[in-house]
Amino acid sequence: MRIVEKPWGREEIWAETDSYVAKKILIKKGHKLSKQYHEIKEETVYVVEGNLRLQFEEHARLMVNGESCHITPGTVHRFCADRNDVVLMEVSTPHLDDVVRLEDDYGRRD
């Protein structure tokens, strides 16, 4: 397992193969990930703890414990922890560097 510290929390990559990657993601209360999309990467997230606001281009979805969402390539999205810390499990294709950032609160670029 490897831990990747992020300005909004951290990722714990607990499985990584040529076919898939599995992560446990912690987003601290009041923080959000980049508004982004992926050209190739496909992912499914599962809310383990907290209330996740999953922001898409034109609408948002509030997700609670036990809910999941599949995100296909090209879908603009942003994970937000508005109310409390959020813990997610994410399973994706192994394209970890496939991130096109449209907005970022921490000044990061692609």
PDB file of N, CA and C in Angstrom:
ATOM      1  N   MET A   1       0.847  -1.175   0.000  1.00  0.00           N
ATOM      2  CA  MET A   1       0.000   0.000   0.000  1.00  0.00           C
ATOM      3  C   MET A   1       0.891   1.236   0.000  1.00  0.00           C
ATOM      4  N   ARG A   2       0.420   2.264  -0.700  1.00  0.00           N
ATOM      5  CA  ARG A   2       1.153   3.529  -0.627  1.00  0.00           C
ATOM      6  C   ARG A   2       0.172   4.659  -0.355  1.00  0.00           C
ATOM      7  N   ILE A   3       0.640   5.632   0.414  1.00  0.00           N
ATOM      8  CA  ILE A   3      -0.181   6.791   0.782  1.00  0.00           C
ATOM      9  C   ILE A   3       0.327   7.999   0.010  1.00  0.00           C
ATOM     10  N   VAL A   4      -0.607   8.707  -0.614  1.00  0.00           N
ATOM     11  CA  VAL A   4      -0.292   9.920  -1.363  1.00  0.00           C
ATOM     12  C   VAL A   4      -0.999  11.076  -0.660  1.00  0.00           C
ATOM     13  N   GLU A   5      -0.217  11.944  -0.020  1.00  0.00           N
ATOM     14  CA  GLU A   5      -0.791  13.110   0.661  1.00  0.00           C
ATOM     15  C   GLU A   5      -1.233  14.131  -0.384  1.00  0.00           C
ATOM     16  N   LYS A   6      -2.380  14.734  -0.154  1.00  0.00           N
ATOM     17  CA  LYS A   6      -2.957  15.735  -1.055  1.00  0.00           C
ATOM     18  C   LYS A   6      -3.319  16.964  -0.228  1.00  0.00           C
ATOM     19  N   PRO A   7      -3.444  18.145  -0.845  1.00  0.00           N
ATOM     20  CA  PRO A   7      -3.815  19.336  -0.068  1.00  0.00           C
ATOM     21  C   PRO A   7      -5.218  19.246   0.535  1.00  0.00           C
ATOM     22  N   TRP A   8      -6.060  18.387  -0.010  1.00  0.00           N
ATOM     23  CA  TRP A   8      -7.434  18.222   0.463  1.00  0.00           C
ATOM     24  C   TRP A   8      -7.604  17.001   1.375  1.00  0.00           C
ATOM     25  N   GLY A   9      -6.566  16.187   1.538  1.00  0.00           N
ATOM     26  CA  GLY A   9      -6.662  14.964   2.342  1.00  0.00           C
ATOM     27  C   GLY A   9      -5.591  13.983   1.922  1.00  0.00           C
ATOM     28  N   ARG A  10      -5.998  12.746   1.585  1.00  0.00           N
ATOM     29  CA  ARG A  10      -5.007  11.758   1.143  1.00  0.00           C
ATOM     30  C   ARG A  10      -5.679  10.613   0.378  1.00  0.00           C
ATOM     31  N   GLU A  11      -4.843   9.899  -0.374  1.00  0.00           N
ATOM     32  CA  GLU A  11      -5.249   8.685  -1.060  1.00  0.00           C
ATOM     33  C   GLU A  11      -4.410   7.539  -0.515  1.00  0.00           C
ATOM     34  N   GLU A  12      -5.047   6.432  -0.228  1.00  0.00           N
ATOM     35  CA  GLU A  12      -4.347   5.212   0.147  1.00  0.00           C
ATOM     36  C   GLU A  12      -4.572   4.221  -0.989  1.00  0.00           C
ATOM     37  N   ILE A  13      -3.548   4.019  -1.785  1.00  0.00           N
ATOM     38  CA  ILE A  13      -3.657   3.093  -2.911  1.00  0.00           C
ATOM     39  C   ILE A  13      -3.351   1.698  -2.375  1.00  0.00           C
ATOM     40  N   TRP A  14      -4.374   0.872  -2.273  1.00  0.00           N
ATOM     41  CA  TRP A  14      -4.210  -0.435  -1.639  1.00  0.00           C
ATOM     42  C   TRP A  14      -4.182  -1.588  -2.634  1.00  0.00           C
ATOM     43  N   ALA A  15      -4.442  -1.312  -3.919  1.00  0.00           N
ATOM     44  CA  ALA A  15      -4.290  -2.327  -4.963  1.00  0.00           C
ATOM     45  C   ALA A  15      -3.947  -1.605  -6.255  1.00  0.00           C
ATOM     46  N   GLU A  16      -2.928  -2.093  -6.954  1.00  0.00           N
ATOM     47  CA  GLU A  16      -2.512  -1.458  -8.200  1.00  0.00           C
ATOM     48  C   GLU A  16      -1.958  -2.543  -9.127  1.00  0.00           C
ATOM     49  N   THR A  17      -2.656  -2.749 -10.234  1.00  0.00           N
ATOM     50  CA  THR A  17      -2.244  -3.742 -11.217  1.00  0.00           C
ATOM     51  C   THR A  17      -2.256  -3.099 -12.599  1.00  0.00           C
ATOM     52  N   ASP A  18      -1.935  -3.870 -13.613  1.00  0.00           N
ATOM     53  CA  ASP A  18      -2.009  -3.375 -14.993  1.00  0.00           C
ATOM     54  C   ASP A  18      -3.457  -3.199 -15.446  1.00  0.00           C
ATOM     55  N   SER A  19      -4.404  -3.766 -14.715  1.00  0.00           N
ATOM     56  CA  SER A  19      -5.813  -3.731 -15.110  1.00  0.00           C
ATOM     57  C   SER A  19      -6.679  -2.779 -14.295  1.00  0.00           C
ATOM     58  N   TYR A  20      -6.330  -2.561 -13.025  1.00  0.00           N
ATOM     59  CA  TYR A  20      -7.165  -1.725 -12.161  1.00  0.00           C
ATOM     60  C   TYR A  20      -6.344  -1.154 -11.009  1.00  0.00           C
ATOM     61  N   VAL A  21      -6.935  -0.122 -10.363  1.00  0.00           N
ATOM     62  CA  VAL A  21      -6.374   0.487  -9.154  1.00  0.00           C
ATOM     63  C   VAL A  21      -7.512   0.649  -8.154  1.00  0.00           C
ATOM     64  N   ALA A  22      -7.234   0.389  -6.879  1.00  0.00           N
ATOM     65  CA  ALA A  22      -8.219   0.600  -5.820  1.00  0.00           C
ATOM     66  C   ALA A  22      -7.626   1.544  -4.783  1.00  0.00           C
ATOM     67  N   LYS A  23      -8.422   2.538  -4.393  1.00  0.00           N
ATOM     68  CA  LYS A  23      -7.965   3.552  -3.443  1.00  0.00           C
ATOM     69  C   LYS A  23      -8.997   3.763  -2.352  1.00  0.00           C
ATOM     70  N   LYS A  24      -8.499   4.110  -1.185  1.00  0.00           N
ATOM     71  CA  LYS A  24      -9.321   4.676  -0.126  1.00  0.00           C
ATOM     72  C   LYS A  24      -8.963   6.165  -0.122  1.00  0.00           C
ATOM     73  N   ILE A  25      -9.971   7.015  -0.220  1.00  0.00           N
ATOM     74  CA  ILE A  25      -9.746   8.456  -0.345  1.00  0.00           C
ATOM     75  C   ILE A  25     -10.369   9.162   0.848  1.00  0.00           C
ATOM     76  N   LEU A  26      -9.600  10.039   1.495  1.00  0.00           N
ATOM     77  CA  LEU A  26     -10.113  10.894   2.572  1.00  0.00           C
ATOM     78  C   LEU A  26     -10.120  12.328   2.061  1.00  0.00           C
ATOM     79  N   ILE A  27     -11.294  12.953   2.093  1.00  0.00           N
ATOM     80  CA  ILE A  27     -11.429  14.372   1.756  1.00  0.00           C
ATOM     81  C   ILE A  27     -11.818  15.090   3.043  1.00  0.00           C
ATOM     82  N   LYS A  28     -10.990  16.031   3.477  1.00  0.00           N
ATOM     83  CA  LYS A  28     -11.261  16.766   4.722  1.00  0.00           C
ATOM     84  C   LYS A  28     -12.430  17.721   4.554  1.00  0.00           C
ATOM     85  N   LYS A  29     -13.182  17.895   5.622  1.00  0.00           N
ATOM     86  CA  LYS A  29     -14.324  18.804   5.649  1.00  0.00           C
ATOM     87  C   LYS A  29     -13.917  20.171   5.110  1.00  0.00           C
ATOM     88  N   GLY A  30     -14.756  20.723   4.224  1.00  0.00           N
ATOM     89  CA  GLY A  30     -14.514  22.040   3.658  1.00  0.00           C
ATOM     90  C   GLY A  30     -13.609  22.044   2.439  1.00  0.00           C
ATOM     91  N   HIS A  31     -13.146  20.867   2.026  1.00  0.00           N
ATOM     92  CA  HIS A  31     -12.239  20.772   0.878  1.00  0.00           C
ATOM     93  C   HIS A  31     -12.928  20.089  -0.293  1.00  0.00           C
ATOM     94  N   LYS A  32     -12.324  20.255  -1.469  1.00  0.00           N
ATOM     95  CA  LYS A  32     -12.822  19.598  -2.664  1.00  0.00           C
ATOM     96  C   LYS A  32     -11.668  19.313  -3.611  1.00  0.00           C
ATOM     97  N   LEU A  33     -11.847  18.300  -4.416  1.00  0.00           N
ATOM     98  CA  LEU A  33     -10.857  17.944  -5.422  1.00  0.00           C
ATOM     99  C   LEU A  33     -11.010  18.873  -6.617  1.00  0.00           C
ATOM    100  N   SER A  34     -10.130  18.745  -7.575  1.00  0.00           N
ATOM    101  CA  SER A  34     -10.198  19.546  -8.796  1.00  0.00           C
ATOM    102  C   SER A  34     -11.487  19.283  -9.554  1.00  0.00           C
ATOM    103  N   LYS A  35     -11.973  20.317 -10.232  1.00  0.00           N
ATOM    104  CA  LYS A  35     -13.002  20.116 -11.250  1.00  0.00           C
ATOM    105  C   LYS A  35     -12.223  19.545 -12.428  1.00  0.00           C
ATOM    106  N   GLN A  36     -12.572  18.340 -12.865  1.00  0.00           N
ATOM    107  CA  GLN A  36     -11.727  17.604 -13.792  1.00  0.00           C
ATOM    108  C   GLN A  36     -12.521  16.635 -14.651  1.00  0.00           C
ATOM    109  N   TYR A  37     -11.814  16.097 -15.630  1.00  0.00           N
ATOM    110  CA  TYR A  37     -12.325  14.949 -16.374  1.00  0.00           C
ATOM    111  C   TYR A  37     -11.135  14.084 -16.764  1.00  0.00           C
ATOM    112  N   HIS A  38     -11.433  12.887 -17.226  1.00  0.00           N
ATOM    113  CA  HIS A  38     -10.401  11.942 -17.641  1.00  0.00           C
ATOM    114  C   HIS A  38     -10.658  11.572 -19.098  1.00  0.00           C
ATOM    115  N   GLU A  39      -9.610  11.469 -19.864  1.00  0.00           N
ATOM    116  CA  GLU A  39      -9.751  11.078 -21.264  1.00  0.00           C
ATOM    117  C   GLU A  39      -9.912   9.568 -21.410  1.00  0.00           C
ATOM    118  N   ILE A  40      -9.246   8.800 -20.555  1.00  0.00           N
ATOM    119  CA  ILE A  40      -9.274   7.338 -20.641  1.00  0.00           C
ATOM    120  C   ILE A  40      -9.782   6.698 -19.349  1.00  0.00           C
ATOM    121  N   LYS A  41      -9.359   7.244 -18.209  1.00  0.00           N
ATOM    122  CA  LYS A  41      -9.668   6.642 -16.910  1.00  0.00           C
ATOM    123  C   LYS A  41     -11.176   6.549 -16.672  1.00  0.00           C
ATOM    124  N   GLU A  42     -11.584   5.395 -16.192  1.00  0.00           N
ATOM    125  CA  GLU A  42     -12.968   5.142 -15.815  1.00  0.00           C
ATOM    126  C   GLU A  42     -12.956   4.742 -14.351  1.00  0.00           C
ATOM    127  N   GLU A  43     -13.895   5.265 -13.562  1.00  0.00           N
ATOM    128  CA  GLU A  43     -13.856   5.014 -12.127  1.00  0.00           C
ATOM    129  C   GLU A  43     -15.250   4.821 -11.546  1.00  0.00           C
ATOM    130  N   THR A  44     -15.280   4.090 -10.443  1.00  0.00           N
ATOM    131  CA  THR A  44     -16.502   3.951  -9.652  1.00  0.00           C
ATOM    132  C   THR A  44     -16.129   4.271  -8.215  1.00  0.00           C
ATOM    133  N   VAL A  45     -16.933   5.142  -7.589  1.00  0.00           N
ATOM    134  CA  VAL A  45     -16.686   5.511  -6.199  1.00  0.00           C
ATOM    135  C   VAL A  45     -17.842   5.027  -5.331  1.00  0.00           C
ATOM    136  N   TYR A  46     -17.492   4.698  -4.082  1.00  0.00           N
ATOM    137  CA  TYR A  46     -18.444   4.195  -3.085  1.00  0.00           C
ATOM    138  C   TYR A  46     -18.216   5.008  -1.817  1.00  0.00           C
ATOM    139  N   VAL A  47     -19.276   5.618  -1.285  1.00  0.00           N
ATOM    140  CA  VAL A  47     -19.163   6.425  -0.070  1.00  0.00           C
ATOM    141  C   VAL A  47     -19.174   5.504   1.146  1.00  0.00           C
ATOM    142  N   VAL A  48     -18.086   5.543   1.908  1.00  0.00           N
ATOM    143  CA  VAL A  48     -17.947   4.739   3.118  1.00  0.00           C
ATOM    144  C   VAL A  48     -18.421   5.534   4.330  1.00  0.00           C
ATOM    145  N   GLU A  49     -18.110   6.830   4.329  1.00  0.00           N
ATOM    146  CA  GLU A  49     -18.411   7.673   5.490  1.00  0.00           C
ATOM    147  C   GLU A  49     -18.586   9.117   5.029  1.00  0.00           C
ATOM    148  N   GLY A  50     -19.564   9.802   5.594  1.00  0.00           N
ATOM    149  CA  GLY A  50     -19.765  11.217   5.310  1.00  0.00           C
ATOM    150  C   GLY A  50     -20.773  11.468   4.199  1.00  0.00           C
ATOM    151  N   ASN A  51     -20.890  12.744   3.845  1.00  0.00           N
ATOM    152  CA  ASN A  51     -21.808  13.190   2.804  1.00  0.00           C
ATOM    153  C   ASN A  51     -20.986  13.823   1.685  1.00  0.00           C
ATOM    154  N   LEU A  52     -20.994  13.198   0.530  1.00  0.00           N
ATOM    155  CA  LEU A  52     -20.232  13.668  -0.621  1.00  0.00           C
ATOM    156  C   LEU A  52     -21.144  14.443  -1.555  1.00  0.00           C
ATOM    157  N   ARG A  53     -20.706  15.651  -1.932  1.00  0.00           N
ATOM    158  CA  ARG A  53     -21.393  16.352  -3.017  1.00  0.00           C
ATOM    159  C   ARG A  53     -20.584  16.078  -4.274  1.00  0.00           C
ATOM    160  N   LEU A  54     -21.185  15.348  -5.185  1.00  0.00           N
ATOM    161  CA  LEU A  54     -20.554  15.028  -6.456  1.00  0.00           C
ATOM    162  C   LEU A  54     -21.082  16.040  -7.465  1.00  0.00           C
ATOM    163  N   GLN A  55     -20.217  16.970  -7.840  1.00  0.00           N
ATOM    164  CA  GLN A  55     -20.599  18.063  -8.729  1.00  0.00           C
ATOM    165  C   GLN A  55     -20.275  17.682 -10.166  1.00  0.00           C
ATOM    166  N   PHE A  56     -21.280  17.745 -11.015  1.00  0.00           N
ATOM    167  CA  PHE A  56     -21.094  17.565 -12.449  1.00  0.00           C
ATOM    168  C   PHE A  56     -21.171  18.946 -13.103  1.00  0.00           C
ATOM    169  N   GLU A  57     -21.045  19.025 -14.419  1.00  0.00           N
ATOM    170  CA  GLU A  57     -21.077  20.323 -15.089  1.00  0.00           C
ATOM    171  C   GLU A  57     -22.380  21.071 -14.839  1.00  0.00           C
ATOM    172  N   GLU A  58     -23.500  20.392 -14.961  1.00  0.00           N
ATOM    173  CA  GLU A  58     -24.793  21.072 -14.921  1.00  0.00           C
ATOM    174  C   GLU A  58     -25.626  20.766 -13.679  1.00  0.00           C
ATOM    175  N   HIS A  59     -25.206  19.820 -12.859  1.00  0.00           N
ATOM    176  CA  HIS A  59     -25.983  19.464 -11.672  1.00  0.00           C
ATOM    177  C   HIS A  59     -25.075  18.836 -10.627  1.00  0.00           C
ATOM    178  N   ALA A  60     -25.633  18.671  -9.432  1.00  0.00           N
ATOM    179  CA  ALA A  60     -24.889  18.033  -8.341  1.00  0.00           C
ATOM    180  C   ALA A  60     -25.727  16.886  -7.791  1.00  0.00           C
ATOM    181  N   ARG A  61     -25.032  15.952  -7.172  1.00  0.00           N
ATOM    182  CA  ARG A  61     -25.689  14.816  -6.535  1.00  0.00           C
ATOM    183  C   ARG A  61     -25.117  14.675  -5.139  1.00  0.00           C
ATOM    184  N   LEU A  62     -25.980  14.630  -4.126  1.00  0.00           N
ATOM    185  CA  LEU A  62     -25.535  14.383  -2.762  1.00  0.00           C
ATOM    186  C   LEU A  62     -25.533  12.880  -2.537  1.00  0.00           C
ATOM    187  N   MET A  63     -24.379  12.355  -2.133  1.00  0.00           N
ATOM    188  CA  MET A  63     -24.244  10.921  -1.901  1.00  0.00           C
ATOM    189  C   MET A  63     -23.949  10.682  -0.425  1.00  0.00           C
ATOM    190  N   VAL A  64     -24.557   9.644   0.126  1.00  0.00           N
ATOM    191  CA  VAL A  64     -24.369   9.289   1.535  1.00  0.00           C
ATOM    192  C   VAL A  64     -23.814   7.874   1.627  1.00  0.00           C
ATOM    193  N   ASN A  65     -23.521   7.461   2.855  1.00  0.00           N
ATOM    194  CA  ASN A  65     -22.945   6.128   3.113  1.00  0.00           C
ATOM    195  C   ASN A  65     -23.676   5.050   2.326  1.00  0.00           C
ATOM    196  N   GLY A  66     -22.906   4.204   1.646  1.00  0.00           N
ATOM    197  CA  GLY A  66     -23.488   3.071   0.944  1.00  0.00           C
ATOM    198  C   GLY A  66     -23.872   3.345  -0.499  1.00  0.00           C
ATOM    199  N   GLU A  67     -23.765   4.584  -0.956  1.00  0.00           N
ATOM    200  CA  GLU A  67     -24.110   4.896  -2.347  1.00  0.00           C
ATOM    201  C   GLU A  67     -22.865   4.872  -3.217  1.00  0.00           C
ATOM    202  N   SER A  68     -23.057   4.544  -4.486  1.00  0.00           N
ATOM    203  CA  SER A  68     -21.941   4.509  -5.425  1.00  0.00           C
ATOM    204  C   SER A  68     -22.320   5.212  -6.717  1.00  0.00           C
ATOM    205  N   CYS A  69     -21.287   5.551  -7.494  1.00  0.00           N
ATOM    206  CA  CYS A  69     -21.499   6.231  -8.767  1.00  0.00           C
ATOM    207  C   CYS A  69     -20.374   5.841  -9.724  1.00  0.00           C
ATOM    208  N   HIS A  70     -20.731   5.560 -10.940  1.00  0.00           N
ATOM    209  CA  HIS A  70     -19.782   5.218 -12.001  1.00  0.00           C
ATOM    210  C   HIS A  70     -19.524   6.476 -12.833  1.00  0.00           C
ATOM    211  N   ILE A  71     -18.259   6.797 -13.072  1.00  0.00           N
ATOM    212  CA  ILE A  71     -17.888   7.992 -13.830  1.00  0.00           C
ATOM    213  C   ILE A  71     -17.118   7.552 -15.067  1.00  0.00           C
ATOM    214  N   THR A  72     -17.668   7.878 -16.220  1.00  0.00           N
ATOM    215  CA  THR A  72     -17.077   7.475 -17.493  1.00  0.00           C
ATOM    216  C   THR A  72     -16.105   8.538 -18.010  1.00  0.00           C
ATOM    217  N   PRO A  73     -15.187   8.155 -18.893  1.00  0.00           N
ATOM    218  CA  PRO A  73     -14.269   9.138 -19.471  1.00  0.00           C
ATOM    219  C   PRO A  73     -15.025  10.299 -20.112  1.00  0.00           C
ATOM    220  N   GLY A  74     -14.468  11.494 -19.956  1.00  0.00           N
ATOM    221  CA  GLY A  74     -15.076  12.693 -20.526  1.00  0.00           C
ATOM    222  C   GLY A  74     -16.083  13.381 -19.634  1.00  0.00           C
ATOM    223  N   THR A  75     -16.486  12.751 -18.527  1.00  0.00           N
ATOM    224  CA  THR A  75     -17.472  13.337 -17.615  1.00  0.00           C
ATOM    225  C   THR A  75     -16.778  14.329 -16.683  1.00  0.00           C
ATOM    226  N   VAL A  76     -17.180  15.599 -16.752  1.00  0.00           N
ATOM    227  CA  VAL A  76     -16.626  16.611 -15.853  1.00  0.00           C
ATOM    228  C   VAL A  76     -17.235  16.391 -14.473  1.00  0.00           C
ATOM    229  N   HIS A  77     -16.364  16.324 -13.445  1.00  0.00           N
ATOM    230  CA  HIS A  77     -16.840  16.040 -12.091  1.00  0.00           C
ATOM    231  C   HIS A  77     -15.908  16.654 -11.054  1.00  0.00           C
ATOM    232  N   ARG A  78     -16.454  16.776  -9.841  1.00  0.00           N
ATOM    233  CA  ARG A  78     -15.686  17.300  -8.712  1.00  0.00           C
ATOM    234  C   ARG A  78     -16.258  16.696  -7.436  1.00  0.00           C
ATOM    235  N   PHE A  79     -15.387  16.167  -6.570  1.00  0.00           N
ATOM    236  CA  PHE A  79     -15.797  15.608  -5.279  1.00  0.00           C
ATOM    237  C   PHE A  79     -15.639  16.687  -4.216  1.00  0.00           C
ATOM    238  N   CYS A  80     -16.701  16.923  -3.420  1.00  0.00           N
ATOM    239  CA  CYS A  80     -16.700  17.999  -2.420  1.00  0.00           C
ATOM    240  C   CYS A  80     -17.154  17.468  -1.063  1.00  0.00           C
ATOM    241  N   ALA A  81     -16.418  17.844  -0.011  1.00  0.00           N
ATOM    242  CA  ALA A  81     -16.759  17.460   1.365  1.00  0.00           C
ATOM    243  C   ALA A  81     -17.229  18.716   2.097  1.00  0.00           C
ATOM    244  N   ASP A  82     -18.429  19.150   1.819  1.00  0.00           N
ATOM    245  CA  ASP A  82     -18.952  20.406   2.359  1.00  0.00           C
ATOM    246  C   ASP A  82     -19.286  20.332   3.845  1.00  0.00           C
ATOM    247  N   ARG A  83     -19.860  19.208   4.302  1.00  0.00           N
ATOM    248  CA  ARG A  83     -20.436  19.111   5.646  1.00  0.00           C
ATOM    249  C   ARG A  83     -19.547  18.427   6.669  1.00  0.00           C
ATOM    250  N   ASN A  84     -18.746  17.467   6.196  1.00  0.00           N
ATOM    251  CA  ASN A  84     -17.928  16.665   7.109  1.00  0.00           C
ATOM    252  C   ASN A  84     -16.833  15.974   6.314  1.00  0.00           C
ATOM    253  N   ASP A  85     -15.908  15.332   7.017  1.00  0.00           N
ATOM    254  CA  ASP A  85     -14.910  14.518   6.322  1.00  0.00           C
ATOM    255  C   ASP A  85     -15.648  13.439   5.535  1.00  0.00           C
ATOM    256  N   VAL A  86     -15.094  13.099   4.383  1.00  0.00           N
ATOM    257  CA  VAL A  86     -15.682  12.065   3.534  1.00  0.00           C
ATOM    258  C   VAL A  86     -14.628  10.998   3.269  1.00  0.00           C
ATOM    259  N   VAL A  87     -15.038   9.739   3.394  1.00  0.00           N
ATOM    260  CA  VAL A  87     -14.178   8.615   3.045  1.00  0.00           C
ATOM    261  C   VAL A  87     -14.836   7.875   1.885  1.00  0.00           C
ATOM    262  N   LEU A  88     -14.079   7.696   0.816  1.00  0.00           N
ATOM    263  CA  LEU A  88     -14.552   7.008  -0.385  1.00  0.00           C
ATOM    264  C   LEU A  88     -13.676   5.805  -0.666  1.00  0.00           C
ATOM    265  N   MET A  89     -14.240   4.826  -1.325  1.00  0.00           N
ATOM    266  CA  MET A  89     -13.462   3.769  -1.963  1.00  0.00           C
ATOM    267  C   MET A  89     -13.615   4.016  -3.456  1.00  0.00           C
ATOM    268  N   GLU A  90     -12.510   3.957  -4.169  1.00  0.00           N
ATOM    269  CA  GLU A  90     -12.543   4.155  -5.622  1.00  0.00           C
ATOM    270  C   GLU A  90     -11.853   2.985  -6.294  1.00  0.00           C
ATOM    271  N   VAL A  91     -12.496   2.457  -7.320  1.00  0.00           N
ATOM    272  CA  VAL A  91     -11.884   1.453  -8.184  1.00  0.00           C
ATOM    273  C   VAL A  91     -11.888   2.043  -9.578  1.00  0.00           C
ATOM    274  N   SER A  92     -10.723   1.980 -10.252  1.00  0.00           N
ATOM    275  CA  SER A  92     -10.618   2.610 -11.565  1.00  0.00           C
ATOM    276  C   SER A  92      -9.697   1.818 -12.477  1.00  0.00           C
ATOM    277  N   THR A  93      -9.689   2.233 -13.725  1.00  0.00           N
ATOM    278  CA  THR A  93      -8.670   1.747 -14.641  1.00  0.00           C
ATOM    279  C   THR A  93      -7.340   2.319 -14.156  1.00  0.00           C
ATOM    280  N   PRO A  94      -6.209   1.786 -14.586  1.00  0.00           N
ATOM    281  CA  PRO A  94      -4.927   2.158 -13.993  1.00  0.00           C
ATOM    282  C   PRO A  94      -4.308   3.464 -14.502  1.00  0.00           C
ATOM    283  N   HIS A  95      -5.077   4.319 -15.126  1.00  0.00           N
ATOM    284  CA  HIS A  95      -4.551   5.543 -15.742  1.00  0.00           C
ATOM    285  C   HIS A  95      -4.514   6.694 -14.731  1.00  0.00           C
ATOM    286  N   LEU A  96      -3.640   6.593 -13.739  1.00  0.00           N
ATOM    287  CA  LEU A  96      -3.617   7.545 -12.628  1.00  0.00           C
ATOM    288  C   LEU A  96      -3.209   8.961 -13.038  1.00  0.00           C
ATOM    289  N   ASP A  97      -2.446   9.110 -14.098  1.00  0.00           N
ATOM    290  CA  ASP A  97      -2.015  10.442 -14.537  1.00  0.00           C
ATOM    291  C   ASP A  97      -2.982  11.081 -15.526  1.00  0.00           C
ATOM    292  N   ASP A  98      -4.064  10.418 -15.839  1.00  0.00           N
ATOM    293  CA  ASP A  98      -5.049  10.925 -16.797  1.00  0.00           C
ATOM    294  C   ASP A  98      -6.025  11.862 -16.081  1.00  0.00           C
ATOM    295  N   VAL A  99      -5.563  13.091 -15.823  1.00  0.00           N
ATOM    296  CA  VAL A  99      -6.387  14.101 -15.151  1.00  0.00           C
ATOM    297  C   VAL A  99      -6.276  15.390 -15.946  1.00  0.00           C
ATOM    298  N   VAL A 100      -7.413  15.896 -16.422  1.00  0.00           N
ATOM    299  CA  VAL A 100      -7.457  17.206 -17.062  1.00  0.00           C
ATOM    300  C   VAL A 100      -8.171  18.126 -16.086  1.00  0.00           C
ATOM    301  N   ARG A 101      -7.398  19.015 -15.421  1.00  0.00           N
ATOM    302  CA  ARG A 101      -7.956  19.919 -14.415  1.00  0.00           C
ATOM    303  C   ARG A 101      -8.530  21.160 -15.087  1.00  0.00           C
ATOM    304  N   LEU A 102      -9.776  21.474 -14.747  1.00  0.00           N
ATOM    305  CA  LEU A 102     -10.438  22.671 -15.263  1.00  0.00           C
ATOM    306  C   LEU A 102     -10.419  23.793 -14.229  1.00  0.00           C
ATOM    307  N   GLU A 103     -10.486  23.425 -12.949  1.00  0.00           N
ATOM    308  CA  GLU A 103     -10.381  24.351 -11.823  1.00  0.00           C
ATOM    309  C   GLU A 103      -9.701  23.610 -10.677  1.00  0.00           C
ATOM    310  N   ASP A 104      -8.933  24.363  -9.876  1.00  0.00           N
ATOM    311  CA  ASP A 104      -8.281  23.737  -8.729  1.00  0.00           C
ATOM    312  C   ASP A 104      -8.050  24.791  -7.651  1.00  0.00           C
ATOM    313  N   ASP A 105      -8.515  24.525  -6.459  1.00  0.00           N
ATOM    314  CA  ASP A 105      -8.391  25.464  -5.337  1.00  0.00           C
ATOM    315  C   ASP A 105      -6.966  25.580  -4.812  1.00  0.00           C
ATOM    316  N   TYR A 106      -6.078  24.694  -5.247  1.00  0.00           N
ATOM    317  CA  TYR A 106      -4.727  24.635  -4.696  1.00  0.00           C
ATOM    318  C   TYR A 106      -3.648  25.011  -5.722  1.00  0.00           C
ATOM    319  N   GLY A 107      -4.062  25.560  -6.871  1.00  0.00           N
ATOM    320  CA  GLY A 107      -3.122  26.031  -7.880  1.00  0.00           C
ATOM    321  C   GLY A 107      -2.399  24.946  -8.650  1.00  0.00           C
ATOM    322  N   ARG A 108      -2.920  23.716  -8.617  1.00  0.00           N
ATOM    323  CA  ARG A 108      -2.265  22.617  -9.349  1.00  0.00           C
ATOM    324  C   ARG A 108      -2.662  22.647 -10.809  1.00  0.00           C
ATOM    325  N   ARG A 109      -1.772  22.200 -11.651  1.00  0.00           N
ATOM    326  CA  ARG A 109      -1.990  22.074 -13.091  1.00  0.00           C
ATOM    327  C   ARG A 109      -1.892  20.603 -13.475  1.00  0.00           C
ATOM    328  N   ASP A 110      -2.228  20.272 -14.706  1.00  0.00           N
ATOM    329  CA  ASP A 110      -2.113  18.888 -15.198  1.00  0.00           C
ATOM    330  C   ASP A 110      -0.715  18.362 -15.031  1.00  0.00           C
TER     331      ASP A 110
END
